Amino acid sequence: DDESILTYLGAEDSYIHQSLPSEMQTMLNESTIKINIHTQDDPHILKIGQSLDTVEQEAITSFLKNHNHDFSWSYADMP
């Protein structure tokens, strides 16, 4: 179920992708993994890079869970 950021955006062959430096293109083509930063009953799913090592994945996941309230998950959450 992994997909790259560009696949998700539908932008694999877009002008934007082609105009980026090659290292950025590589980053955008990276596979992702889904993480839930909320509860099982009310999941808030985000994607992070699969190539991150375990420590980086845990640090990012922890940060996102601790700041879950800062994200808008629906129109009702927006000011």
PDB file of N, CA and C in Angstrom:
ATOM      1  N   ASP A   1       0.825  -1.193   0.000  1.00  0.00           N
ATOM      2  CA  ASP A   1       0.000   0.000   0.000  1.00  0.00           C
ATOM      3  C   ASP A   1       0.868   1.256   0.000  1.00  0.00           C
ATOM      4  N   ASP A   2       2.186   1.074  -0.107  1.00  0.00           N
ATOM      5  CA  ASP A   2       3.094   2.219  -0.157  1.00  0.00           C
ATOM      6  C   ASP A   2       2.906   2.969  -1.465  1.00  0.00           C
ATOM      7  N   GLU A   3       3.119   4.244  -1.422  1.00  0.00           N
ATOM      8  CA  GLU A   3       3.088   5.054  -2.619  1.00  0.00           C
ATOM      9  C   GLU A   3       3.982   6.261  -2.406  1.00  0.00           C
ATOM     10  N   SER A   4       4.461   6.818  -3.502  1.00  0.00           N
ATOM     11  CA  SER A   4       5.306   7.994  -3.379  1.00  0.00           C
ATOM     12  C   SER A   4       4.434   9.231  -3.227  1.00  0.00           C
ATOM     13  N   ILE A   5       5.044  10.299  -2.772  1.00  0.00           N
ATOM     14  CA  ILE A   5       4.329  11.567  -2.638  1.00  0.00           C
ATOM     15  C   ILE A   5       3.812  12.018  -3.997  1.00  0.00           C
ATOM     16  N   LEU A   6       4.622  11.836  -5.037  1.00  0.00           N
ATOM     17  CA  LEU A   6       4.199  12.261  -6.370  1.00  0.00           C
ATOM     18  C   LEU A   6       3.033  11.437  -6.882  1.00  0.00           C
ATOM     19  N   THR A   7       3.030  10.134  -6.605  1.00  0.00           N
ATOM     20  CA  THR A   7       1.906   9.302  -7.014  1.00  0.00           C
ATOM     21  C   THR A   7       0.644   9.785  -6.330  1.00  0.00           C
ATOM     22  N   TYR A   8       0.760  10.069  -5.050  1.00  0.00           N
ATOM     23  CA  TYR A   8      -0.383  10.567  -4.276  1.00  0.00           C
ATOM     24  C   TYR A   8      -0.923  11.863  -4.878  1.00  0.00           C
ATOM     25  N   LEU A   9      -0.038  12.734  -5.305  1.00  0.00           N
ATOM     26  CA  LEU A   9      -0.446  14.007  -5.887  1.00  0.00           C
ATOM     27  C   LEU A   9      -0.799  13.884  -7.362  1.00  0.00           C
ATOM     28  N   GLY A  10      -0.497  12.722  -7.971  1.00  0.00           N
ATOM     29  CA  GLY A  10      -0.747  12.546  -9.393  1.00  0.00           C
ATOM     30  C   GLY A  10       0.183  13.392 -10.235  1.00  0.00           C
ATOM     31  N   ALA A  11       1.425  13.548  -9.781  1.00  0.00           N
ATOM     32  CA  ALA A  11       2.330  14.507 -10.417  1.00  0.00           C
ATOM     33  C   ALA A  11       3.630  13.890 -10.918  1.00  0.00           C
ATOM     34  N   GLU A  12       3.644  12.580 -11.197  1.00  0.00           N
ATOM     35  CA  GLU A  12       4.905  11.936 -11.568  1.00  0.00           C
ATOM     36  C   GLU A  12       5.581  12.581 -12.776  1.00  0.00           C
ATOM     37  N   ASP A  13       4.804  12.969 -13.778  1.00  0.00           N
ATOM     38  CA  ASP A  13       5.373  13.526 -15.004  1.00  0.00           C
ATOM     39  C   ASP A  13       5.086  15.013 -15.151  1.00  0.00           C
ATOM     40  N   SER A  14       4.754  15.646 -14.067  1.00  0.00           N
ATOM     41  CA  SER A  14       4.356  17.048 -14.137  1.00  0.00           C
ATOM     42  C   SER A  14       5.549  17.967 -14.377  1.00  0.00           C
ATOM     43  N   TYR A  15       5.240  19.166 -14.830  1.00  0.00           N
ATOM     44  CA  TYR A  15       6.258  20.191 -15.022  1.00  0.00           C
ATOM     45  C   TYR A  15       6.974  20.486 -13.711  1.00  0.00           C
ATOM     46  N   ILE A  16       6.213  20.519 -12.621  1.00  0.00           N
ATOM     47  CA  ILE A  16       6.802  20.807 -11.312  1.00  0.00           C
ATOM     48  C   ILE A  16       7.864  19.773 -10.985  1.00  0.00           C
ATOM     49  N   HIS A  17       7.547  18.502 -11.165  1.00  0.00           N
ATOM     50  CA  HIS A  17       8.494  17.431 -10.871  1.00  0.00           C
ATOM     51  C   HIS A  17       9.743  17.566 -11.731  1.00  0.00           C
ATOM     52  N   GLN A  18       9.568  17.821 -13.018  1.00  0.00           N
ATOM     53  CA  GLN A  18      10.695  17.906 -13.943  1.00  0.00           C
ATOM     54  C   GLN A  18      11.577  19.114 -13.664  1.00  0.00           C
ATOM     55  N   SER A  19      11.027  20.155 -13.073  1.00  0.00           N
ATOM     56  CA  SER A  19      11.808  21.366 -12.828  1.00  0.00           C
ATOM     57  C   SER A  19      12.575  21.327 -11.506  1.00  0.00           C
ATOM     58  N   LEU A  20      12.335  20.305 -10.694  1.00  0.00           N
ATOM     59  CA  LEU A  20      13.023  20.195  -9.408  1.00  0.00           C
ATOM     60  C   LEU A  20      14.424  19.631  -9.579  1.00  0.00           C
ATOM     61  N   PRO A  21      15.347  19.978  -8.675  1.00  0.00           N
ATOM     62  CA  PRO A  21      16.672  19.354  -8.691  1.00  0.00           C
ATOM     63  C   PRO A  21      16.526  17.838  -8.512  1.00  0.00           C
ATOM     64  N   SER A  22      17.461  17.083  -9.053  1.00  0.00           N
ATOM     65  CA  SER A  22      17.343  15.620  -9.041  1.00  0.00           C
ATOM     66  C   SER A  22      17.236  15.042  -7.633  1.00  0.00           C
ATOM     67  N   GLU A  23      17.948  15.631  -6.646  1.00  0.00           N
ATOM     68  CA  GLU A  23      17.856  15.096  -5.283  1.00  0.00           C
ATOM     69  C   GLU A  23      16.456  15.302  -4.701  1.00  0.00           C
ATOM     70  N   MET A  24      15.798  16.390  -5.076  1.00  0.00           N
ATOM     71  CA  MET A  24      14.424  16.627  -4.629  1.00  0.00           C
ATOM     72  C   MET A  24      13.469  15.666  -5.334  1.00  0.00           C
ATOM     73  N   GLN A  25      13.704  15.395  -6.611  1.00  0.00           N
ATOM     74  CA  GLN A  25      12.877  14.431  -7.332  1.00  0.00           C
ATOM     75  C   GLN A  25      12.960  13.064  -6.669  1.00  0.00           C
ATOM     76  N   THR A  26      14.165  12.681  -6.249  1.00  0.00           N
ATOM     77  CA  THR A  26      14.354  11.405  -5.569  1.00  0.00           C
ATOM     78  C   THR A  26      13.571  11.379  -4.265  1.00  0.00           C
ATOM     79  N   MET A  27      13.628  12.459  -3.503  1.00  0.00           N
ATOM     80  CA  MET A  27      12.881  12.528  -2.243  1.00  0.00           C
ATOM     81  C   MET A  27      11.384  12.388  -2.483  1.00  0.00           C
ATOM     82  N   LEU A  28      10.871  13.028  -3.524  1.00  0.00           N
ATOM     83  CA  LEU A  28       9.442  12.985  -3.800  1.00  0.00           C
ATOM     84  C   LEU A  28       8.992  11.629  -4.328  1.00  0.00           C
ATOM     85  N   ASN A  29       9.912  10.855  -4.891  1.00  0.00           N
ATOM     86  CA  ASN A  29       9.584   9.521  -5.384  1.00  0.00           C
ATOM     87  C   ASN A  29       9.707   8.463  -4.300  1.00  0.00           C
ATOM     88  N   GLU A  30      10.142   8.858  -3.119  1.00  0.00           N
ATOM     89  CA  GLU A  30      10.354   7.925  -2.020  1.00  0.00           C
ATOM     90  C   GLU A  30       9.044   7.267  -1.591  1.00  0.00           C
ATOM     91  N   SER A  31       9.121   5.994  -1.258  1.00  0.00           N
ATOM     92  CA  SER A  31       7.961   5.290  -0.722  1.00  0.00           C
ATOM     93  C   SER A  31       7.643   5.811   0.670  1.00  0.00           C
ATOM     94  N   THR A  32       6.383   5.714   1.030  1.00  0.00           N
ATOM     95  CA  THR A  32       5.934   6.209   2.328  1.00  0.00           C
ATOM     96  C   THR A  32       5.279   5.091   3.125  1.00  0.00           C
ATOM     97  N   ILE A  33       5.187   5.314   4.431  1.00  0.00           N
ATOM     98  CA  ILE A  33       4.436   4.414   5.301  1.00  0.00           C
ATOM     99  C   ILE A  33       3.389   5.240   6.037  1.00  0.00           C
ATOM    100  N   LYS A  34       2.260   4.604   6.321  1.00  0.00           N
ATOM    101  CA  LYS A  34       1.177   5.292   7.019  1.00  0.00           C
ATOM    102  C   LYS A  34       1.369   5.152   8.518  1.00  0.00           C
ATOM    103  N   ILE A  35       1.129   6.258   9.231  1.00  0.00           N
ATOM    104  CA  ILE A  35       1.152   6.225  10.695  1.00  0.00           C
ATOM    105  C   ILE A  35      -0.150   6.837  11.203  1.00  0.00           C
ATOM    106  N   ASN A  36      -0.647   6.308  12.300  1.00  0.00           N
ATOM    107  CA  ASN A  36      -1.842   6.846  12.945  1.00  0.00           C
ATOM    108  C   ASN A  36      -1.379   7.668  14.141  1.00  0.00           C
ATOM    109  N   ILE A  37      -1.726   8.951  14.152  1.00  0.00           N
ATOM    110  CA  ILE A  37      -1.276   9.810  15.249  1.00  0.00           C
ATOM    111  C   ILE A  37      -2.405  10.133  16.221  1.00  0.00           C
ATOM    112  N   HIS A  38      -3.476   9.355  16.158  1.00  0.00           N
ATOM    113  CA  HIS A  38      -4.596   9.578  17.072  1.00  0.00           C
ATOM    114  C   HIS A  38      -5.004   8.240  17.664  1.00  0.00           C
ATOM    115  N   THR A  39      -6.289   7.944  17.748  1.00  0.00           N
ATOM    116  CA  THR A  39      -6.763   6.701  18.359  1.00  0.00           C
ATOM    117  C   THR A  39      -7.210   5.713  17.289  1.00  0.00           C
ATOM    118  N   GLN A  40      -7.382   4.459  17.684  1.00  0.00           N
ATOM    119  CA  GLN A  40      -7.887   3.453  16.750  1.00  0.00           C
ATOM    120  C   GLN A  40      -9.337   3.752  16.362  1.00  0.00           C
ATOM    121  N   ASP A  41     -10.107   4.303  17.297  1.00  0.00           N
ATOM    122  CA  ASP A  41     -11.510   4.624  17.025  1.00  0.00           C
ATOM    123  C   ASP A  41     -11.674   5.853  16.136  1.00  0.00           C
ATOM    124  N   ASP A  42     -10.732   6.769  16.195  1.00  0.00           N
ATOM    125  CA  ASP A  42     -10.769   8.004  15.406  1.00  0.00           C
ATOM    126  C   ASP A  42      -9.379   8.247  14.820  1.00  0.00           C
ATOM    127  N   PRO A  43      -8.988   7.433  13.843  1.00  0.00           N
ATOM    128  CA  PRO A  43      -7.619   7.531  13.327  1.00  0.00           C
ATOM    129  C   PRO A  43      -7.360   8.826  12.559  1.00  0.00           C
ATOM    130  N   HIS A  44      -6.169   9.338  12.723  1.00  0.00           N
ATOM    131  CA  HIS A  44      -5.659  10.460  11.942  1.00  0.00           C
ATOM    132  C   HIS A  44      -4.395   9.936  11.268  1.00  0.00           C
ATOM    133  N   ILE A  45      -4.513   9.615   9.992  1.00  0.00           N
ATOM    134  CA  ILE A  45      -3.442   8.954   9.257  1.00  0.00           C
ATOM    135  C   ILE A  45      -2.590   9.981   8.516  1.00  0.00           C
ATOM    136  N   LEU A  46      -1.297   9.879   8.703  1.00  0.00           N
ATOM    137  CA  LEU A  46      -0.313  10.669   7.964  1.00  0.00           C
ATOM    138  C   LEU A  46       0.676   9.705   7.335  1.00  0.00           C
ATOM    139  N   LYS A  47       1.478  10.206   6.423  1.00  0.00           N
ATOM    140  CA  LYS A  47       2.504   9.384   5.784  1.00  0.00           C
ATOM    141  C   LYS A  47       3.868  10.014   6.023  1.00  0.00           C
ATOM    142  N   ILE A  48       4.836   9.142   6.300  1.00  0.00           N
ATOM    143  CA  ILE A  48       6.224   9.579   6.460  1.00  0.00           C
ATOM    144  C   ILE A  48       7.099   8.732   5.553  1.00  0.00           C
ATOM    145  N   GLY A  49       8.305   9.203   5.287  1.00  0.00           N
ATOM    146  CA  GLY A  49       9.218   8.505   4.399  1.00  0.00           C
ATOM    147  C   GLY A  49       9.639   7.152   4.942  1.00  0.00           C
ATOM    148  N   GLN A  50       9.575   6.151   4.076  1.00  0.00           N
ATOM    149  CA  GLN A  50       9.934   4.789   4.465  1.00  0.00           C
ATOM    150  C   GLN A  50      11.437   4.638   4.700  1.00  0.00           C
ATOM    151  N   SER A  51      12.242   5.489   4.082  1.00  0.00           N
ATOM    152  CA  SER A  51      13.692   5.345   4.203  1.00  0.00           C
ATOM    153  C   SER A  51      14.247   5.909   5.509  1.00  0.00           C
ATOM    154  N   LEU A  52      13.414   6.568   6.302  1.00  0.00           N
ATOM    155  CA  LEU A  52      13.880   7.069   7.598  1.00  0.00           C
ATOM    156  C   LEU A  52      14.259   5.896   8.487  1.00  0.00           C
ATOM    157  N   ASP A  53      15.312   6.067   9.274  1.00  0.00           N
ATOM    158  CA  ASP A  53      15.662   4.978  10.194  1.00  0.00           C
ATOM    159  C   ASP A  53      14.668   4.961  11.354  1.00  0.00           C
ATOM    160  N   THR A  54      14.711   3.915  12.150  1.00  0.00           N
ATOM    161  CA  THR A  54      13.743   3.707  13.223  1.00  0.00           C
ATOM    162  C   THR A  54      13.708   4.875  14.201  1.00  0.00           C
ATOM    163  N   VAL A  55      14.866   5.398  14.560  1.00  0.00           N
ATOM    164  CA  VAL A  55      14.930   6.522  15.501  1.00  0.00           C
ATOM    165  C   VAL A  55      14.232   7.745  14.912  1.00  0.00           C
ATOM    166  N   GLU A  56      14.479   8.039  13.638  1.00  0.00           N
ATOM    167  CA  GLU A  56      13.837   9.181  12.985  1.00  0.00           C
ATOM    168  C   GLU A  56      12.323   8.975  12.884  1.00  0.00           C
ATOM    169  N   GLN A  57      11.907   7.762  12.512  1.00  0.00           N
ATOM    170  CA  GLN A  57      10.474   7.467  12.425  1.00  0.00           C
ATOM    171  C   GLN A  57       9.795   7.665  13.772  1.00  0.00           C
ATOM    172  N   GLU A  58      10.424   7.161  14.831  1.00  0.00           N
ATOM    173  CA  GLU A  58       9.851   7.298  16.173  1.00  0.00           C
ATOM    174  C   GLU A  58       9.805   8.759  16.612  1.00  0.00           C
ATOM    175  N   ALA A  59      10.855   9.523  16.302  1.00  0.00           N
ATOM    176  CA  ALA A  59      10.895  10.936  16.686  1.00  0.00           C
ATOM    177  C   ALA A  59       9.808  11.730  15.958  1.00  0.00           C
ATOM    178  N   ILE A  60       9.670  11.499  14.665  1.00  0.00           N
ATOM    179  CA  ILE A  60       8.653  12.210  13.890  1.00  0.00           C
ATOM    180  C   ILE A  60       7.257  11.810  14.350  1.00  0.00           C
ATOM    181  N   THR A  61       7.037  10.511  14.543  1.00  0.00           N
ATOM    182  CA  THR A  61       5.734  10.026  14.998  1.00  0.00           C
ATOM    183  C   THR A  61       5.383  10.614  16.355  1.00  0.00           C
ATOM    184  N   SER A  62       6.334  10.636  17.265  1.00  0.00           N
ATOM    185  CA  SER A  62       6.107  11.200  18.594  1.00  0.00           C
ATOM    186  C   SER A  62       5.765  12.686  18.505  1.00  0.00           C
ATOM    187  N   PHE A  63       6.530  13.421  17.710  1.00  0.00           N
ATOM    188  CA  PHE A  63       6.263  14.851  17.531  1.00  0.00           C
ATOM    189  C   PHE A  63       4.856  15.077  16.987  1.00  0.00           C
ATOM    190  N   LEU A  64       4.486  14.328  15.953  1.00  0.00           N
ATOM    191  CA  LEU A  64       3.168  14.498  15.343  1.00  0.00           C
ATOM    192  C   LEU A  64       2.045  14.136  16.311  1.00  0.00           C
ATOM    193  N   LYS A  65       2.244  13.084  17.105  1.00  0.00           N
ATOM    194  CA  LYS A  65       1.232  12.706  18.101  1.00  0.00           C
ATOM    195  C   LYS A  65       1.090  13.791  19.162  1.00  0.00           C
ATOM    196  N   ASN A  66       2.207  14.361  19.586  1.00  0.00           N
ATOM    197  CA  ASN A  66       2.177  15.412  20.606  1.00  0.00           C
ATOM    198  C   ASN A  66       1.569  16.715  20.099  1.00  0.00           C
ATOM    199  N   HIS A  67       1.552  16.907  18.780  1.00  0.00           N
ATOM    200  CA  HIS A  67       1.012  18.129  18.186  1.00  0.00           C
ATOM    201  C   HIS A  67      -0.230  17.839  17.341  1.00  0.00           C
ATOM    202  N   ASN A  68      -0.856  16.715  17.583  1.00  0.00           N
ATOM    203  CA  ASN A  68      -2.043  16.300  16.836  1.00  0.00           C
ATOM    204  C   ASN A  68      -3.127  17.378  16.841  1.00  0.00           C
ATOM    205  N   HIS A  69      -3.267  18.065  17.951  1.00  0.00           N
ATOM    206  CA  HIS A  69      -4.300  19.098  18.088  1.00  0.00           C
ATOM    207  C   HIS A  69      -4.037  20.330  17.210  1.00  0.00           C
ATOM    208  N   ASP A  70      -2.829  20.458  16.670  1.00  0.00           N
ATOM    209  CA  ASP A  70      -2.485  21.608  15.835  1.00  0.00           C
ATOM    210  C   ASP A  70      -2.955  21.457  14.389  1.00  0.00           C
ATOM    211  N   PHE A  71      -3.390  20.257  14.006  1.00  0.00           N
ATOM    212  CA  PHE A  71      -3.807  19.982  12.633  1.00  0.00           C
ATOM    213  C   PHE A  71      -5.317  20.117  12.492  1.00  0.00           C
ATOM    214  N   SER A  72      -5.754  20.535  11.316  1.00  0.00           N
ATOM    215  CA  SER A  72      -7.184  20.545  10.993  1.00  0.00           C
ATOM    216  C   SER A  72      -7.493  19.243  10.272  1.00  0.00           C
ATOM    217  N   TRP A  73      -8.401  18.481  10.825  1.00  0.00           N
ATOM    218  CA  TRP A  73      -8.759  17.185  10.241  1.00  0.00           C
ATOM    219  C   TRP A  73     -10.078  17.249   9.491  1.00  0.00           C
ATOM    220  N   SER A  74     -10.812  18.326   9.680  1.00  0.00           N
ATOM    221  CA  SER A  74     -12.070  18.526   8.963  1.00  0.00           C
ATOM    222  C   SER A  74     -12.332  20.028   8.897  1.00  0.00           C
ATOM    223  N   TYR A  75     -13.321  20.405   8.116  1.00  0.00           N
ATOM    224  CA  TYR A  75     -13.673  21.823   8.030  1.00  0.00           C
ATOM    225  C   TYR A  75     -14.090  22.370   9.387  1.00  0.00           C
ATOM    226  N   ALA A  76     -14.696  21.539  10.204  1.00  0.00           N
ATOM    227  CA  ALA A  76     -15.139  21.972  11.534  1.00  0.00           C
ATOM    228  C   ALA A  76     -13.965  22.363  12.428  1.00  0.00           C
ATOM    229  N   ASP A  77     -12.778  21.817  12.148  1.00  0.00           N
ATOM    230  CA  ASP A  77     -11.590  22.120  12.944  1.00  0.00           C
ATOM    231  C   ASP A  77     -10.948  23.455  12.570  1.00  0.00           C
ATOM    232  N   MET A  78     -11.354  24.006  11.442  1.00  0.00           N
ATOM    233  CA  MET A  78     -10.723  25.235  10.954  1.00  0.00           C
ATOM    234  C   MET A  78     -11.360  26.459  11.599  1.00  0.00           C
ATOM    235  N   PRO A  79     -10.535  27.475  11.864  1.00  0.00           N
ATOM    236  CA  PRO A  79     -11.077  28.704  12.474  1.00  0.00           C
ATOM    237  C   PRO A  79     -12.035  29.430  11.548  1.00  0.00           C
TER     238      PRO A  79
END
